[in-house]
Protein backbone atom coordinates (compact mmCIF):
# COMPACT_ATOMS: atom_id res chain seq x y z
CA UNK A 1 -0.82 14.57 -13.07
CA UNK A 2 -1.55 10.87 -12.61
CA UNK A 3 -0.55 8.41 -15.30
CA UNK A 4 -2.78 6.00 -17.18
CA UNK A 5 -5.61 4.33 -15.30
CA UNK A 6 -4.70 0.67 -14.80
CA UNK A 7 -7.53 -0.44 -12.50
CA UNK A 8 -10.83 1.13 -11.47
CA UNK A 9 -12.54 0.71 -8.13
CA UNK A 10 -15.89 2.12 -7.06
CA UNK A 11 -14.47 5.51 -6.03
CA UNK A 12 -10.78 5.33 -6.94
CA UNK A 13 -8.59 4.71 -9.93
CA UNK A 14 -5.25 2.94 -9.61
CA UNK A 15 -2.91 4.65 -12.07
CA UNK A 16 0.64 4.25 -13.25
CA UNK A 17 3.15 6.29 -11.25
CA UNK A 18 4.96 8.88 -13.34
CA UNK A 19 8.03 10.98 -12.52
CA UNK A 20 5.74 14.02 -12.17
CA UNK A 21 4.05 12.28 -9.21
CA UNK A 22 7.26 12.62 -7.18
CA UNK A 23 6.16 16.04 -5.91
CA UNK A 24 2.90 14.68 -4.47
CA UNK A 25 4.64 11.61 -3.01
CA UNK A 26 7.33 13.78 -1.38
CA UNK A 27 4.81 16.14 0.22
CA UNK A 28 2.56 13.34 1.45
CA UNK A 29 5.20 10.93 2.79
CA UNK A 30 6.99 13.65 4.77
CA UNK A 31 3.74 14.58 6.57
CA UNK A 32 4.06 13.24 10.15
CA UNK A 33 0.49 11.91 9.96
CA UNK A 34 1.65 9.60 7.16
CA UNK A 35 5.34 8.90 7.81
CA UNK A 36 5.12 8.12 11.54
CA UNK A 37 2.55 5.27 11.24
CA UNK A 38 4.65 3.87 8.37
CA UNK A 39 7.83 3.98 10.43
CA UNK A 40 9.61 6.41 8.08
CA UNK A 41 12.20 8.24 10.18
CA UNK A 42 14.26 10.05 7.53
CA UNK A 43 13.22 12.99 5.38
CA UNK A 44 12.84 12.05 1.73
CA UNK A 45 13.20 14.68 -0.97
CA UNK A 46 11.86 14.87 -4.50
CA UNK A 47 15.10 13.52 -6.01
CA UNK A 48 14.81 10.44 -3.80
CA UNK A 49 11.29 9.80 -5.08
CA UNK A 50 12.17 10.49 -8.71
CA UNK A 51 14.95 7.90 -8.44
CA UNK A 52 12.58 5.46 -6.72
CA UNK A 53 10.08 5.88 -9.56
CA UNK A 54 12.74 5.41 -12.26
CA UNK A 55 14.64 2.54 -10.60
CA UNK A 56 12.06 0.62 -8.59
CA UNK A 57 8.62 1.43 -9.96
CA UNK A 58 9.47 1.53 -13.65
CA UNK A 59 12.17 -1.12 -13.60
CA UNK A 60 11.28 -3.51 -10.78
CA UNK A 61 10.45 -7.05 -11.90
CA UNK A 62 9.38 -8.32 -8.49
CA UNK A 63 7.30 -5.29 -7.45
CA UNK A 64 4.24 -3.47 -8.65
CA UNK A 65 3.19 0.03 -7.58
CA UNK A 66 0.21 2.23 -8.46
CA UNK A 67 -0.96 5.72 -7.59
CA UNK A 68 -4.34 5.87 -5.81
CA UNK A 69 -6.43 8.62 -7.44
CA UNK A 70 -9.93 10.01 -6.84
CA UNK A 71 -11.54 12.75 -8.92
CA UNK A 72 -8.26 13.26 -10.76
CA UNK A 73 -6.30 13.96 -7.55
CA UNK A 74 -3.54 11.69 -6.21
CA UNK A 75 -4.27 10.25 -2.77
CA UNK A 76 -1.51 7.73 -2.08
CA UNK A 77 0.45 4.71 -3.26
CA UNK A 78 -0.50 1.04 -3.24
CA UNK A 79 1.69 -1.80 -4.35
CA UNK A 80 3.55 -5.02 -3.84
CA UNK A 81 7.14 -4.31 -2.80
CA UNK A 82 7.65 -8.05 -3.14
CA UNK A 83 5.77 -10.41 -5.46
CA UNK A 84 6.72 -14.05 -6.10
CA UNK A 85 5.07 -15.39 -9.27
CA UNK A 86 6.46 -18.89 -8.77
CA UNK A 87 4.94 -19.37 -5.32
CA UNK A 88 1.90 -17.16 -5.87
CA UNK A 89 2.53 -14.91 -2.88
CA UNK A 90 2.85 -11.16 -2.56
CA UNK A 91 3.40 -8.59 0.16
CA UNK A 92 0.96 -5.67 0.04
CA UNK A 93 1.92 -2.14 1.04
CA UNK A 94 -0.13 1.07 0.95
CA UNK A 95 -0.43 4.59 2.29
CA UNK A 96 -2.75 7.51 1.75
CA UNK A 97 -2.18 11.23 2.27
CA UNK A 98 -3.56 12.43 5.60
CA UNK A 99 -6.48 14.32 4.06
CA UNK A 100 -7.68 11.12 2.34
CA UNK A 101 -7.94 9.10 5.57
CA UNK A 102 -11.33 7.94 6.77
CA UNK A 103 -13.18 8.39 3.47
CA UNK A 104 -13.24 4.77 2.26
CA UNK A 105 -10.56 5.27 -0.39
CA UNK A 106 -8.15 2.87 1.29
CA UNK A 107 -10.69 0.04 1.44
CA UNK A 108 -11.75 0.60 -2.17
CA UNK A 109 -8.16 0.73 -3.45
CA UNK A 110 -7.09 -2.30 -1.42
CA UNK A 111 -10.06 -4.44 -2.47
CA UNK A 112 -9.62 -3.48 -6.12
CA UNK A 113 -5.91 -4.33 -6.01
CA UNK A 114 -6.44 -7.61 -4.16
CA UNK A 115 -9.02 -8.68 -6.78
CA UNK A 116 -6.47 -7.91 -9.50
CA UNK A 117 -3.67 -9.84 -7.76
CA UNK A 118 -5.84 -12.92 -7.34
CA UNK A 119 -7.62 -12.73 -10.71
CA UNK A 120 -4.88 -11.60 -13.07
CA UNK A 121 -1.55 -12.29 -11.37
CA UNK A 122 -2.39 -15.80 -10.10
CA UNK A 123 -1.51 -15.02 -6.50
CA UNK A 124 -2.66 -17.62 -3.98
CA UNK A 125 -2.00 -15.60 -0.82
CA UNK A 126 -1.24 -12.04 0.20
CA UNK A 127 0.38 -10.60 3.30
CA UNK A 128 0.46 -7.15 4.86
CA UNK A 129 1.98 -5.65 8.01
CA UNK A 130 1.02 -2.73 10.25
CA UNK A 131 2.66 -1.35 13.38
CA UNK A 132 0.70 -1.59 16.60
CA UNK A 133 0.19 2.18 16.84
CA UNK A 134 -1.13 2.39 13.26
CA UNK A 135 -4.74 1.83 14.25
CA UNK A 136 -6.14 2.95 10.87
CA UNK A 137 -4.12 0.40 8.87
CA UNK A 138 -4.88 -2.40 11.33
CA UNK A 139 -8.60 -1.61 11.13
CA UNK A 140 -8.54 -1.33 7.33
CA UNK A 141 -6.82 -4.66 6.82
CA UNK A 142 -9.32 -6.42 9.07
CA UNK A 143 -12.30 -4.64 7.50
CA UNK A 144 -11.47 -5.70 3.94
CA UNK A 145 -10.97 -9.35 4.88
CA UNK A 146 -7.36 -9.89 5.88
CA UNK A 147 -6.89 -12.13 8.91
CA UNK A 148 -4.54 -11.20 11.75
CA UNK A 149 -2.13 -14.16 11.78
CA UNK A 150 0.55 -13.00 14.17
CA UNK A 151 2.48 -10.28 15.91
CA UNK A 152 6.19 -9.60 15.87
CA UNK A 153 7.07 -7.96 19.20
CA UNK A 154 9.42 -4.97 19.17
CA UNK A 155 9.73 -5.16 15.39
CA UNK A 156 10.78 -1.55 14.88
CA UNK A 157 11.71 1.66 16.66
CA UNK A 158 9.03 4.15 15.61
CA UNK A 159 8.28 7.60 17.00
CA UNK A 160 10.50 7.13 20.03
CA UNK A 161 9.52 3.64 21.11
CA UNK A 162 9.62 0.00 20.10
CA UNK A 163 6.53 -1.08 18.17
CA UNK A 164 5.05 -4.49 17.60
CA UNK A 165 4.21 -5.31 14.01
CA UNK A 166 0.96 -7.09 13.20
CA UNK A 167 0.95 -9.55 10.34
CA UNK A 168 -2.17 -10.03 8.22
CA UNK A 169 -2.84 -12.52 5.44
CA UNK A 170 -5.59 -13.68 3.13
CA UNK A 171 -5.71 -16.57 0.69
CA UNK A 172 -7.52 -16.49 -2.63
CA UNK A 173 -10.08 -18.98 -1.30
CA UNK A 174 -10.73 -16.89 1.82
CA UNK A 175 -11.07 -13.74 -0.29
CA UNK A 176 -13.52 -15.38 -2.70
CA UNK A 177 -15.62 -16.79 0.16
CA UNK A 178 -16.12 -13.25 1.53
CA UNK A 179 -17.24 -11.76 -1.79
């Protein structure tokens, strides 16, 4: 069961991640439709995710992670694996379970979280990455207002071949001008 609602979008809630969410996270992240586009090559069990929740999510000072929820059901995870308060810059990361793809949840969650990072955490710019073969993430980042600022060739070995990694960014001023 999802934790407390921290942020509300139009169709999603962004909730605290609780140890009980490890089961959902384990099932979803091991699904090839989710793990391959993310570049996850190793199986990850429930213990791995329980430890991640306890050590990184609950105790991380330079990161911030939330569970994406719609109609009381967990859909994915959205967060900042790296956030620099001093410089006002954060790296955005997200994934949704395969059955939540293509329904607008990713755009709603991302926009809600970006508003929060700019409005309440004083971020000045945000960055996100997506592998070349991850067409859904590349399209989502562009559709919500991130600008493609570069490509790292052969950035990772994913699903049997080298993949380029696209880099996206948006500044607070750019984000505000689009809204």
